[in-house]
């Protein structure tokens, strides 16, 4: 089912990243999303900058994901991430407001 497909997707992502699971892939897994949220608030400015650069192309998609939206919302709590999040969501606010998870992210931003 969906869980098996998700596990396959993570395995493929891990293979592409040389054994490391991307932050975007982690954000779409329930347990990994929670861990990533905790890590985001403890990251140094340099680590956060790297995380923002890695997540930036995926932020709009993550904003409407069941688990990813929490990561994007947590990212907004860090002022250094505001530019990346705002850039990713620019022009998509109305559709996001019509989406259950997306509206949560817009409120956080």
PDB file of N, CA and C in Angstrom:
ATOM      1  N   UNK A   1       0.813  -1.191   0.000  1.00  0.00           N
ATOM      2  CA  UNK A   1       0.000   0.000   0.000  1.00  0.00           C
ATOM      3  C   UNK A   1       0.853   1.249   0.000  1.00  0.00           C
ATOM      4  N   UNK A   2       0.291   2.286   0.548  1.00  0.00           N
ATOM      5  CA  UNK A   2       0.959   3.593   0.568  1.00  0.00           C
ATOM      6  C   UNK A   2       2.247   3.547   1.371  1.00  0.00           C
ATOM      7  N   UNK A   3       2.215   2.800   2.473  1.00  0.00           N
ATOM      8  CA  UNK A   3       3.413   2.711   3.321  1.00  0.00           C
ATOM      9  C   UNK A   3       4.561   2.047   2.570  1.00  0.00           C
ATOM     10  N   UNK A   4       4.258   0.995   1.825  1.00  0.00           N
ATOM     11  CA  UNK A   4       5.287   0.290   1.063  1.00  0.00           C
ATOM     12  C   UNK A   4       5.859   1.199  -0.037  1.00  0.00           C
ATOM     13  N   UNK A   5       4.971   1.948  -0.719  1.00  0.00           N
ATOM     14  CA  UNK A   5       5.422   2.869  -1.765  1.00  0.00           C
ATOM     15  C   UNK A   5       6.310   3.957  -1.158  1.00  0.00           C
ATOM     16  N   UNK A   6       5.926   4.425   0.026  1.00  0.00           N
ATOM     17  CA  UNK A   6       6.701   5.448   0.708  1.00  0.00           C
ATOM     18  C   UNK A   6       8.079   4.908   1.095  1.00  0.00           C
ATOM     19  N   UNK A   7       8.129   3.678   1.550  1.00  0.00           N
ATOM     20  CA  UNK A   7       9.400   3.045   1.912  1.00  0.00           C
ATOM     21  C   UNK A   7      10.279   2.906   0.677  1.00  0.00           C
ATOM     22  N   UNK A   8       9.686   2.530  -0.454  1.00  0.00           N
ATOM     23  CA  UNK A   8      10.444   2.435  -1.710  1.00  0.00           C
ATOM     24  C   UNK A   8      10.976   3.800  -2.117  1.00  0.00           C
ATOM     25  N   UNK A   9      10.152   4.822  -1.966  1.00  0.00           N
ATOM     26  CA  UNK A   9      10.576   6.178  -2.328  1.00  0.00           C
ATOM     27  C   UNK A   9      11.755   6.620  -1.464  1.00  0.00           C
ATOM     28  N   UNK A  10      11.686   6.312  -0.174  1.00  0.00           N
ATOM     29  CA  UNK A  10      12.794   6.663   0.721  1.00  0.00           C
ATOM     30  C   UNK A  10      14.061   5.904   0.340  1.00  0.00           C
ATOM     31  N   UNK A  11      13.927   4.628  -0.010  1.00  0.00           N
ATOM     32  CA  UNK A  11      15.085   3.828  -0.408  1.00  0.00           C
ATOM     33  C   UNK A  11      15.722   4.411  -1.670  1.00  0.00           C
ATOM     34  N   UNK A  12      14.900   4.820  -2.622  1.00  0.00           N
ATOM     35  CA  UNK A  12      15.411   5.424  -3.855  1.00  0.00           C
ATOM     36  C   UNK A  12      16.099   6.745  -3.552  1.00  0.00           C
ATOM     37  N   UNK A  13      15.497   7.523  -2.679  1.00  0.00           N
ATOM     38  CA  UNK A  13      16.080   8.816  -2.286  1.00  0.00           C
ATOM     39  C   UNK A  13      17.418   8.596  -1.587  1.00  0.00           C
ATOM     40  N   UNK A  14      17.492   7.600  -0.729  1.00  0.00           N
ATOM     41  CA  UNK A  14      18.717   7.282   0.001  1.00  0.00           C
ATOM     42  C   UNK A  14      19.820   6.878  -0.981  1.00  0.00           C
ATOM     43  N   UNK A  15      19.457   6.104  -1.997  1.00  0.00           N
ATOM     44  CA  UNK A  15      20.438   5.665  -2.991  1.00  0.00           C
ATOM     45  C   UNK A  15      20.973   6.861  -3.773  1.00  0.00           C
ATOM     46  N   UNK A  16      20.085   7.798  -4.140  1.00  0.00           N
ATOM     47  CA  UNK A  16      20.514   8.985  -4.885  1.00  0.00           C
ATOM     48  C   UNK A  16      21.414   9.877  -4.042  1.00  0.00           C
ATOM     49  N   UNK A  17      21.188   9.895  -2.739  1.00  0.00           N
ATOM     50  CA  UNK A  17      21.949  10.781  -1.850  1.00  0.00           C
ATOM     51  C   UNK A  17      23.153  10.068  -1.236  1.00  0.00           C
ATOM     52  N   UNK A  18      23.561   8.960  -1.815  1.00  0.00           N
ATOM     53  CA  UNK A  18      24.732   8.245  -1.311  1.00  0.00           C
ATOM     54  C   UNK A  18      24.509   7.672   0.075  1.00  0.00           C
ATOM     55  N   UNK A  19      23.301   7.190   0.348  1.00  0.00           N
ATOM     56  CA  UNK A  19      22.991   6.585   1.633  1.00  0.00           C
ATOM     57  C   UNK A  19      22.313   7.529   2.611  1.00  0.00           C
ATOM     58  N   UNK A  20      22.348   8.827   2.345  1.00  0.00           N
ATOM     59  CA  UNK A  20      21.723   9.826   3.210  1.00  0.00           C
ATOM     60  C   UNK A  20      20.324  10.139   2.689  1.00  0.00           C
ATOM     61  N   UNK A  21      19.349  10.144   3.573  1.00  0.00           N
ATOM     62  CA  UNK A  21      17.983  10.474   3.186  1.00  0.00           C
ATOM     63  C   UNK A  21      17.852  11.994   3.144  1.00  0.00           C
ATOM     64  N   UNK A  22      17.301  12.509   2.066  1.00  0.00           N
ATOM     65  CA  UNK A  22      17.156  13.958   1.927  1.00  0.00           C
ATOM     66  C   UNK A  22      16.195  14.502   2.986  1.00  0.00           C
ATOM     67  N   UNK A  23      16.335  15.772   3.284  1.00  0.00           N
ATOM     68  CA  UNK A  23      15.438  16.406   4.249  1.00  0.00           C
ATOM     69  C   UNK A  23      14.005  16.393   3.745  1.00  0.00           C
ATOM     70  N   UNK A  24      13.810  16.576   2.437  1.00  0.00           N
ATOM     71  CA  UNK A  24      12.459  16.556   1.878  1.00  0.00           C
ATOM     72  C   UNK A  24      11.820  15.178   2.057  1.00  0.00           C
ATOM     73  N   UNK A  25      12.598  14.115   1.846  1.00  0.00           N
ATOM     74  CA  UNK A  25      12.067  12.762   2.038  1.00  0.00           C
ATOM     75  C   UNK A  25      11.750  12.523   3.515  1.00  0.00           C
ATOM     76  N   UNK A  26      12.616  12.999   4.396  1.00  0.00           N
ATOM     77  CA  UNK A  26      12.363  12.849   5.836  1.00  0.00           C
ATOM     78  C   UNK A  26      11.093  13.577   6.242  1.00  0.00           C
ATOM     79  N   UNK A  27      10.854  14.744   5.638  1.00  0.00           N
ATOM     80  CA  UNK A  27       9.683  15.549   5.992  1.00  0.00           C
ATOM     81  C   UNK A  27       8.370  14.852   5.664  1.00  0.00           C
ATOM     82  N   UNK A  28       8.408  13.886   4.746  1.00  0.00           N
ATOM     83  CA  UNK A  28       7.174  13.196   4.334  1.00  0.00           C
ATOM     84  C   UNK A  28       6.905  11.917   5.121  1.00  0.00           C
ATOM     85  N   UNK A  29       7.771  11.585   6.049  1.00  0.00           N
ATOM     86  CA  UNK A  29       7.582  10.410   6.905  1.00  0.00           C
ATOM     87  C   UNK A  29       7.202  10.878   8.308  1.00  0.00           C
ATOM     88  N   UNK A  30       6.185  10.277   8.906  1.00  0.00           N
ATOM     89  CA  UNK A  30       5.664  10.768  10.178  1.00  0.00           C
ATOM     90  C   UNK A  30       6.731  10.921  11.255  1.00  0.00           C
ATOM     91  N   UNK A  31       7.458   9.865  11.559  1.00  0.00           N
ATOM     92  CA  UNK A  31       8.463   9.927  12.634  1.00  0.00           C
ATOM     93  C   UNK A  31       9.626  10.828  12.257  1.00  0.00           C
ATOM     94  N   UNK A  32      10.081  10.721  11.020  1.00  0.00           N
ATOM     95  CA  UNK A  32      11.198  11.544  10.571  1.00  0.00           C
ATOM     96  C   UNK A  32      10.819  13.027  10.530  1.00  0.00           C
ATOM     97  N   UNK A  33       9.575  13.313  10.201  1.00  0.00           N
ATOM     98  CA  UNK A  33       9.100  14.693  10.194  1.00  0.00           C
ATOM     99  C   UNK A  33       9.189  15.288  11.598  1.00  0.00           C
ATOM    100  N   UNK A  34       8.773  14.518  12.580  1.00  0.00           N
ATOM    101  CA  UNK A  34       8.844  14.995  13.968  1.00  0.00           C
ATOM    102  C   UNK A  34      10.288  15.245  14.401  1.00  0.00           C
ATOM    103  N   UNK A  35      11.173  14.324  14.043  1.00  0.00           N
ATOM    104  CA  UNK A  35      12.588  14.493  14.388  1.00  0.00           C
ATOM    105  C   UNK A  35      13.172  15.718  13.688  1.00  0.00           C
ATOM    106  N   UNK A  36      12.830  15.891  12.423  1.00  0.00           N
ATOM    107  CA  UNK A  36      13.346  17.020  11.657  1.00  0.00           C
ATOM    108  C   UNK A  36      12.854  18.343  12.255  1.00  0.00           C
ATOM    109  N   UNK A  37      11.610  18.382  12.693  1.00  0.00           N
ATOM    110  CA  UNK A  37      11.087  19.595  13.330  1.00  0.00           C
ATOM    111  C   UNK A  37      11.909  19.948  14.570  1.00  0.00           C
ATOM    112  N   UNK A  38      12.257  18.943  15.363  1.00  0.00           N
ATOM    113  CA  UNK A  38      13.065  19.177  16.562  1.00  0.00           C
ATOM    114  C   UNK A  38      14.465  19.664  16.187  1.00  0.00           C
ATOM    115  N   UNK A  39      15.014  19.079  15.129  1.00  0.00           N
ATOM    116  CA  UNK A  39      16.353  19.463  14.684  1.00  0.00           C
ATOM    117  C   UNK A  39      16.374  20.899  14.164  1.00  0.00           C
ATOM    118  N   UNK A  40      15.334  21.313  13.457  1.00  0.00           N
ATOM    119  CA  UNK A  40      15.302  22.652  12.864  1.00  0.00           C
ATOM    120  C   UNK A  40      15.439  23.748  13.915  1.00  0.00           C
ATOM    121  N   UNK A  41      14.814  23.561  15.062  1.00  0.00           N
ATOM    122  CA  UNK A  41      14.870  24.614  16.092  1.00  0.00           C
ATOM    123  C   UNK A  41      16.226  24.653  16.793  1.00  0.00           C
ATOM    124  N   UNK A  42      17.007  23.561  16.687  1.00  0.00           N
ATOM    125  CA  UNK A  42      18.318  23.511  17.348  1.00  0.00           C
ATOM    126  C   UNK A  42      19.484  23.772  16.398  1.00  0.00           C
ATOM    127  N   UNK A  43      19.210  23.903  15.111  1.00  0.00           N
ATOM    128  CA  UNK A  43      20.292  24.078  14.133  1.00  0.00           C
ATOM    129  C   UNK A  43      20.984  25.422  14.300  1.00  0.00           C
ATOM    130  N   UNK A  44      22.279  25.419  14.036  1.00  0.00           N
ATOM    131  CA  UNK A  44      23.029  26.679  13.972  1.00  0.00           C
ATOM    132  C   UNK A  44      22.556  27.432  12.730  1.00  0.00           C
ATOM    133  N   UNK A  45      22.929  28.695  12.634  1.00  0.00           N
ATOM    134  CA  UNK A  45      22.548  29.481  11.465  1.00  0.00           C
ATOM    135  C   UNK A  45      23.084  28.863  10.178  1.00  0.00           C
ATOM    136  N   UNK A  46      24.311  28.356  10.232  1.00  0.00           N
ATOM    137  CA  UNK A  46      24.922  27.731   9.052  1.00  0.00           C
ATOM    138  C   UNK A  46      24.178  26.461   8.660  1.00  0.00           C
ATOM    139  N   UNK A  47      23.858  25.625   9.642  1.00  0.00           N
ATOM    140  CA  UNK A  47      23.109  24.400   9.370  1.00  0.00           C
ATOM    141  C   UNK A  47      21.730  24.720   8.804  1.00  0.00           C
ATOM    142  N   UNK A  48      21.087  25.740   9.369  1.00  0.00           N
ATOM    143  CA  UNK A  48      19.762  26.128   8.906  1.00  0.00           C
ATOM    144  C   UNK A  48      19.811  26.635   7.475  1.00  0.00           C
ATOM    145  N   UNK A  49      20.851  27.397   7.145  1.00  0.00           N
ATOM    146  CA  UNK A  49      21.008  27.893   5.777  1.00  0.00           C
ATOM    147  C   UNK A  49      21.112  26.719   4.798  1.00  0.00           C
ATOM    148  N   UNK A  50      21.894  25.705   5.153  1.00  0.00           N
ATOM    149  CA  UNK A  50      22.033  24.516   4.308  1.00  0.00           C
ATOM    150  C   UNK A  50      20.703  23.778   4.180  1.00  0.00           C
ATOM    151  N   UNK A  51      19.982  23.668   5.292  1.00  0.00           N
ATOM    152  CA  UNK A  51      18.680  23.001   5.283  1.00  0.00           C
ATOM    153  C   UNK A  51      17.696  23.757   4.388  1.00  0.00           C
ATOM    154  N   UNK A  52      17.697  25.079   4.490  1.00  0.00           N
ATOM    155  CA  UNK A  52      16.806  25.898   3.655  1.00  0.00           C
ATOM    156  C   UNK A  52      17.113  25.712   2.179  1.00  0.00           C
ATOM    157  N   UNK A  53      18.405  25.687   1.845  1.00  0.00           N
ATOM    158  CA  UNK A  53      18.797  25.499   0.450  1.00  0.00           C
ATOM    159  C   UNK A  53      18.356  24.140  -0.075  1.00  0.00           C
ATOM    160  N   UNK A  54      18.463  23.117   0.779  1.00  0.00           N
ATOM    161  CA  UNK A  54      18.060  21.768   0.361  1.00  0.00           C
ATOM    162  C   UNK A  54      16.543  21.643   0.249  1.00  0.00           C
ATOM    163  N   UNK A  55      15.833  22.258   1.173  1.00  0.00           N
ATOM    164  CA  UNK A  55      14.369  22.144   1.197  1.00  0.00           C
ATOM    165  C   UNK A  55      13.661  23.089   0.232  1.00  0.00           C
ATOM    166  N   UNK A  56      14.301  24.205  -0.130  1.00  0.00           N
ATOM    167  CA  UNK A  56      13.647  25.257  -0.920  1.00  0.00           C
ATOM    168  C   UNK A  56      12.849  24.751  -2.128  1.00  0.00           C
ATOM    169  N   UNK A  57      13.410  23.862  -2.965  1.00  0.00           N
ATOM    170  CA  UNK A  57      12.644  23.424  -4.141  1.00  0.00           C
ATOM    171  C   UNK A  57      11.409  22.581  -3.787  1.00  0.00           C
ATOM    172  N   UNK A  58      11.311  22.144  -2.539  1.00  0.00           N
ATOM    173  CA  UNK A  58      10.238  21.237  -2.131  1.00  0.00           C
ATOM    174  C   UNK A  58       9.221  21.887  -1.193  1.00  0.00           C
ATOM    175  N   UNK A  59       9.464  23.124  -0.778  1.00  0.00           N
ATOM    176  CA  UNK A  59       8.635  23.738   0.264  1.00  0.00           C
ATOM    177  C   UNK A  59       7.167  23.861  -0.117  1.00  0.00           C
ATOM    178  N   UNK A  60       6.876  24.233  -1.359  1.00  0.00           N
ATOM    179  CA  UNK A  60       5.477  24.378  -1.764  1.00  0.00           C
ATOM    180  C   UNK A  60       4.756  23.035  -1.695  1.00  0.00           C
ATOM    181  N   UNK A  61       5.392  21.992  -2.195  1.00  0.00           N
ATOM    182  CA  UNK A  61       4.789  20.649  -2.135  1.00  0.00           C
ATOM    183  C   UNK A  61       4.646  20.185  -0.680  1.00  0.00           C
ATOM    184  N   UNK A  62       5.662  20.416   0.126  1.00  0.00           N
ATOM    185  CA  UNK A  62       5.612  20.011   1.529  1.00  0.00           C
ATOM    186  C   UNK A  62       4.533  20.757   2.298  1.00  0.00           C
ATOM    187  N   UNK A  63       4.225  21.985   1.883  1.00  0.00           N
ATOM    188  CA  UNK A  63       3.215  22.792   2.574  1.00  0.00           C
ATOM    189  C   UNK A  63       1.842  22.141   2.549  1.00  0.00           C
ATOM    190  N   UNK A  64       1.591  21.277   1.564  1.00  0.00           N
ATOM    191  CA  UNK A  64       0.286  20.608   1.473  1.00  0.00           C
ATOM    192  C   UNK A  64       0.365  19.123   1.831  1.00  0.00           C
ATOM    193  N   UNK A  65       1.501  18.691   2.319  1.00  0.00           N
ATOM    194  CA  UNK A  65       1.688  17.283   2.685  1.00  0.00           C
ATOM    195  C   UNK A  65       1.256  17.058   4.132  1.00  0.00           C
ATOM    196  N   UNK A  66       0.689  15.888   4.403  1.00  0.00           N
ATOM    197  CA  UNK A  66       0.176  15.570   5.741  1.00  0.00           C
ATOM    198  C   UNK A  66       1.221  15.730   6.835  1.00  0.00           C
ATOM    199  N   UNK A  67       2.468  15.386   6.571  1.00  0.00           N
ATOM    200  CA  UNK A  67       3.532  15.514   7.567  1.00  0.00           C
ATOM    201  C   UNK A  67       4.476  16.669   7.240  1.00  0.00           C
ATOM    202  N   UNK A  68       4.685  16.925   5.966  1.00  0.00           N
ATOM    203  CA  UNK A  68       5.590  17.977   5.543  1.00  0.00           C
ATOM    204  C   UNK A  68       5.155  19.367   5.960  1.00  0.00           C
ATOM    205  N   UNK A  69       3.844  19.588   6.062  1.00  0.00           N
ATOM    206  CA  UNK A  69       3.368  20.924   6.429  1.00  0.00           C
ATOM    207  C   UNK A  69       3.859  21.333   7.811  1.00  0.00           C
ATOM    208  N   UNK A  70       4.053  20.376   8.691  1.00  0.00           N
ATOM    209  CA  UNK A  70       4.561  20.690  10.031  1.00  0.00           C
ATOM    210  C   UNK A  70       6.021  21.146   9.974  1.00  0.00           C
ATOM    211  N   UNK A  71       6.784  20.564   9.066  1.00  0.00           N
ATOM    212  CA  UNK A  71       8.178  20.958   8.890  1.00  0.00           C
ATOM    213  C   UNK A  71       8.255  22.389   8.370  1.00  0.00           C
ATOM    214  N   UNK A  72       7.423  22.713   7.363  1.00  0.00           N
ATOM    215  CA  UNK A  72       7.425  24.063   6.810  1.00  0.00           C
ATOM    216  C   UNK A  72       6.982  25.062   7.880  1.00  0.00           C
ATOM    217  N   UNK A  73       5.960  24.707   8.646  1.00  0.00           N
ATOM    218  CA  UNK A  73       5.489  25.593   9.715  1.00  0.00           C
ATOM    219  C   UNK A  73       6.569  25.815  10.769  1.00  0.00           C
ATOM    220  N   UNK A  74       7.321  24.777  11.097  1.00  0.00           N
ATOM    221  CA  UNK A  74       8.403  24.902  12.074  1.00  0.00           C
ATOM    222  C   UNK A  74       9.547  25.745  11.503  1.00  0.00           C
ATOM    223  N   UNK A  75       9.802  25.583  10.232  1.00  0.00           N
ATOM    224  CA  UNK A  75      10.850  26.356   9.574  1.00  0.00           C
ATOM    225  C   UNK A  75      10.553  27.856   9.675  1.00  0.00           C
ATOM    226  N   UNK A  76       9.291  28.213   9.585  1.00  0.00           N
ATOM    227  CA  UNK A  76       8.890  29.625   9.646  1.00  0.00           C
ATOM    228  C   UNK A  76       9.199  30.243  11.014  1.00  0.00           C
ATOM    229  N   UNK A  77       9.348  29.419  12.035  1.00  0.00           N
ATOM    230  CA  UNK A  77       9.649  29.957  13.367  1.00  0.00           C
ATOM    231  C   UNK A  77      11.080  30.479  13.459  1.00  0.00           C
ATOM    232  N   UNK A  78      11.901  30.151  12.467  1.00  0.00           N
ATOM    233  CA  UNK A  78      13.294  30.629  12.427  1.00  0.00           C
ATOM    234  C   UNK A  78      13.378  31.794  11.443  1.00  0.00           C
ATOM    235  N   UNK A  79      13.725  32.961  11.927  1.00  0.00           N
ATOM    236  CA  UNK A  79      13.735  34.153  11.081  1.00  0.00           C
ATOM    237  C   UNK A  79      14.652  34.009   9.869  1.00  0.00           C
ATOM    238  N   UNK A  80      15.736  33.246  10.017  1.00  0.00           N
ATOM    239  CA  UNK A  80      16.675  33.062   8.911  1.00  0.00           C
ATOM    240  C   UNK A  80      16.032  32.308   7.747  1.00  0.00           C
ATOM    241  N   UNK A  81      14.936  31.597   7.994  1.00  0.00           N
ATOM    242  CA  UNK A  81      14.287  30.796   6.960  1.00  0.00           C
ATOM    243  C   UNK A  81      13.149  31.543   6.269  1.00  0.00           C
ATOM    244  N   UNK A  82      12.789  32.708   6.770  1.00  0.00           N
ATOM    245  CA  UNK A  82      11.636  33.431   6.224  1.00  0.00           C
ATOM    246  C   UNK A  82      11.739  33.665   4.723  1.00  0.00           C
ATOM    247  N   UNK A  83      12.889  34.129   4.255  1.00  0.00           N
ATOM    248  CA  UNK A  83      13.042  34.445   2.826  1.00  0.00           C
ATOM    249  C   UNK A  83      12.805  33.209   1.960  1.00  0.00           C
ATOM    250  N   UNK A  84      13.360  32.063   2.353  1.00  0.00           N
ATOM    251  CA  UNK A  84      13.201  30.831   1.565  1.00  0.00           C
ATOM    252  C   UNK A  84      11.744  30.399   1.532  1.00  0.00           C
ATOM    253  N   UNK A  85      11.075  30.455   2.677  1.00  0.00           N
ATOM    254  CA  UNK A  85       9.671  30.029   2.738  1.00  0.00           C
ATOM    255  C   UNK A  85       8.789  30.997   1.953  1.00  0.00           C
ATOM    256  N   UNK A  86       8.979  32.276   2.158  1.00  0.00           N
ATOM    257  CA  UNK A  86       8.152  33.262   1.453  1.00  0.00           C
ATOM    258  C   UNK A  86       8.356  33.172  -0.051  1.00  0.00           C
ATOM    259  N   UNK A  87       9.590  32.964  -0.475  1.00  0.00           N
ATOM    260  CA  UNK A  87       9.873  32.819  -1.905  1.00  0.00           C
ATOM    261  C   UNK A  87       9.164  31.596  -2.482  1.00  0.00           C
ATOM    262  N   UNK A  88       9.175  30.501  -1.740  1.00  0.00           N
ATOM    263  CA  UNK A  88       8.558  29.259  -2.215  1.00  0.00           C
ATOM    264  C   UNK A  88       7.033  29.371  -2.285  1.00  0.00           C
ATOM    265  N   UNK A  89       6.445  30.123  -1.371  1.00  0.00           N
ATOM    266  CA  UNK A  89       4.984  30.200  -1.299  1.00  0.00           C
ATOM    267  C   UNK A  89       4.407  31.359  -2.104  1.00  0.00           C
ATOM    268  N   UNK A  90       5.243  32.294  -2.516  1.00  0.00           N
ATOM    269  CA  UNK A  90       4.788  33.479  -3.260  1.00  0.00           C
ATOM    270  C   UNK A  90       3.977  33.062  -4.486  1.00  0.00           C
ATOM    271  N   UNK A  91       2.821  33.668  -4.635  1.00  0.00           N
ATOM    272  CA  UNK A  91       1.955  33.372  -5.778  1.00  0.00           C
ATOM    273  C   UNK A  91       1.051  32.173  -5.583  1.00  0.00           C
ATOM    274  N   UNK A  92       1.177  31.500  -4.451  1.00  0.00           N
ATOM    275  CA  UNK A  92       0.372  30.294  -4.207  1.00  0.00           C
ATOM    276  C   UNK A  92      -0.466  30.393  -2.943  1.00  0.00           C
ATOM    277  N   UNK A  93      -0.580  31.582  -2.385  1.00  0.00           N
ATOM    278  CA  UNK A  93      -1.264  31.734  -1.100  1.00  0.00           C
ATOM    279  C   UNK A  93      -2.741  31.343  -1.191  1.00  0.00           C
ATOM    280  N   UNK A  94      -3.440  31.787  -2.243  1.00  0.00           N
ATOM    281  CA  UNK A  94      -4.873  31.476  -2.347  1.00  0.00           C
ATOM    282  C   UNK A  94      -5.108  29.960  -2.432  1.00  0.00           C
ATOM    283  N   UNK A  95      -4.408  29.234  -3.324  1.00  0.00           N
ATOM    284  CA  UNK A  95      -4.619  27.774  -3.333  1.00  0.00           C
ATOM    285  C   UNK A  95      -4.239  27.119  -1.996  1.00  0.00           C
ATOM    286  N   UNK A  96      -3.192  27.623  -1.357  1.00  0.00           N
ATOM    287  CA  UNK A  96      -2.792  27.068  -0.066  1.00  0.00           C
ATOM    288  C   UNK A  96      -3.871  27.296   0.989  1.00  0.00           C
ATOM    289  N   UNK A  97      -4.492  28.468   0.958  1.00  0.00           N
ATOM    290  CA  UNK A  97      -5.549  28.755   1.940  1.00  0.00           C
ATOM    291  C   UNK A  97      -6.751  27.844   1.771  1.00  0.00           C
ATOM    292  N   UNK A  98      -6.933  27.309   0.572  1.00  0.00           N
ATOM    293  CA  UNK A  98      -8.059  26.403   0.298  1.00  0.00           C
ATOM    294  C   UNK A  98      -7.723  24.955   0.645  1.00  0.00           C
ATOM    295  N   UNK A  99      -6.488  24.716   1.064  1.00  0.00           N
ATOM    296  CA  UNK A  99      -6.031  23.360   1.373  1.00  0.00           C
ATOM    297  C   UNK A  99      -5.908  23.203   2.891  1.00  0.00           C
ATOM    298  N   UNK A 100      -6.371  22.076   3.457  1.00  0.00           N
ATOM    299  CA  UNK A 100      -6.329  21.910   4.923  1.00  0.00           C
ATOM    300  C   UNK A 100      -4.934  22.096   5.528  1.00  0.00           C
ATOM    301  N   UNK A 101      -3.918  21.458   4.943  1.00  0.00           N
ATOM    302  CA  UNK A 101      -2.569  21.597   5.482  1.00  0.00           C
ATOM    303  C   UNK A 101      -1.937  22.907   5.026  1.00  0.00           C
ATOM    304  N   UNK A 102      -2.184  23.298   3.790  1.00  0.00           N
ATOM    305  CA  UNK A 102      -1.617  24.525   3.263  1.00  0.00           C
ATOM    306  C   UNK A 102      -2.053  25.750   4.044  1.00  0.00           C
ATOM    307  N   UNK A 103      -3.303  25.761   4.488  1.00  0.00           N
ATOM    308  CA  UNK A 103      -3.798  26.915   5.238  1.00  0.00           C
ATOM    309  C   UNK A 103      -3.073  27.033   6.586  1.00  0.00           C
ATOM    310  N   UNK A 104      -2.702  25.904   7.151  1.00  0.00           N
ATOM    311  CA  UNK A 104      -1.943  25.906   8.411  1.00  0.00           C
ATOM    312  C   UNK A 104      -0.581  26.563   8.209  1.00  0.00           C
ATOM    313  N   UNK A 105       0.050  26.260   7.085  1.00  0.00           N
ATOM    314  CA  UNK A 105       1.357  26.826   6.785  1.00  0.00           C
ATOM    315  C   UNK A 105       1.241  28.334   6.553  1.00  0.00           C
ATOM    316  N   UNK A 106       0.222  28.762   5.813  1.00  0.00           N
ATOM    317  CA  UNK A 106       0.043  30.198   5.555  1.00  0.00           C
ATOM    318  C   UNK A 106      -0.170  30.940   6.877  1.00  0.00           C
ATOM    319  N   UNK A 107      -0.949  30.363   7.766  1.00  0.00           N
ATOM    320  CA  UNK A 107      -1.146  30.990   9.087  1.00  0.00           C
ATOM    321  C   UNK A 107       0.169  31.126   9.838  1.00  0.00           C
ATOM    322  N   UNK A 108       1.007  30.104   9.752  1.00  0.00           N
ATOM    323  CA  UNK A 108       2.295  30.132  10.451  1.00  0.00           C
ATOM    324  C   UNK A 108       3.229  31.171   9.837  1.00  0.00           C
ATOM    325  N   UNK A 109       3.144  31.328   8.507  1.00  0.00           N
ATOM    326  CA  UNK A 109       4.025  32.265   7.819  1.00  0.00           C
ATOM    327  C   UNK A 109       3.557  33.682   8.021  1.00  0.00           C
TER     328      UNK A 109
END
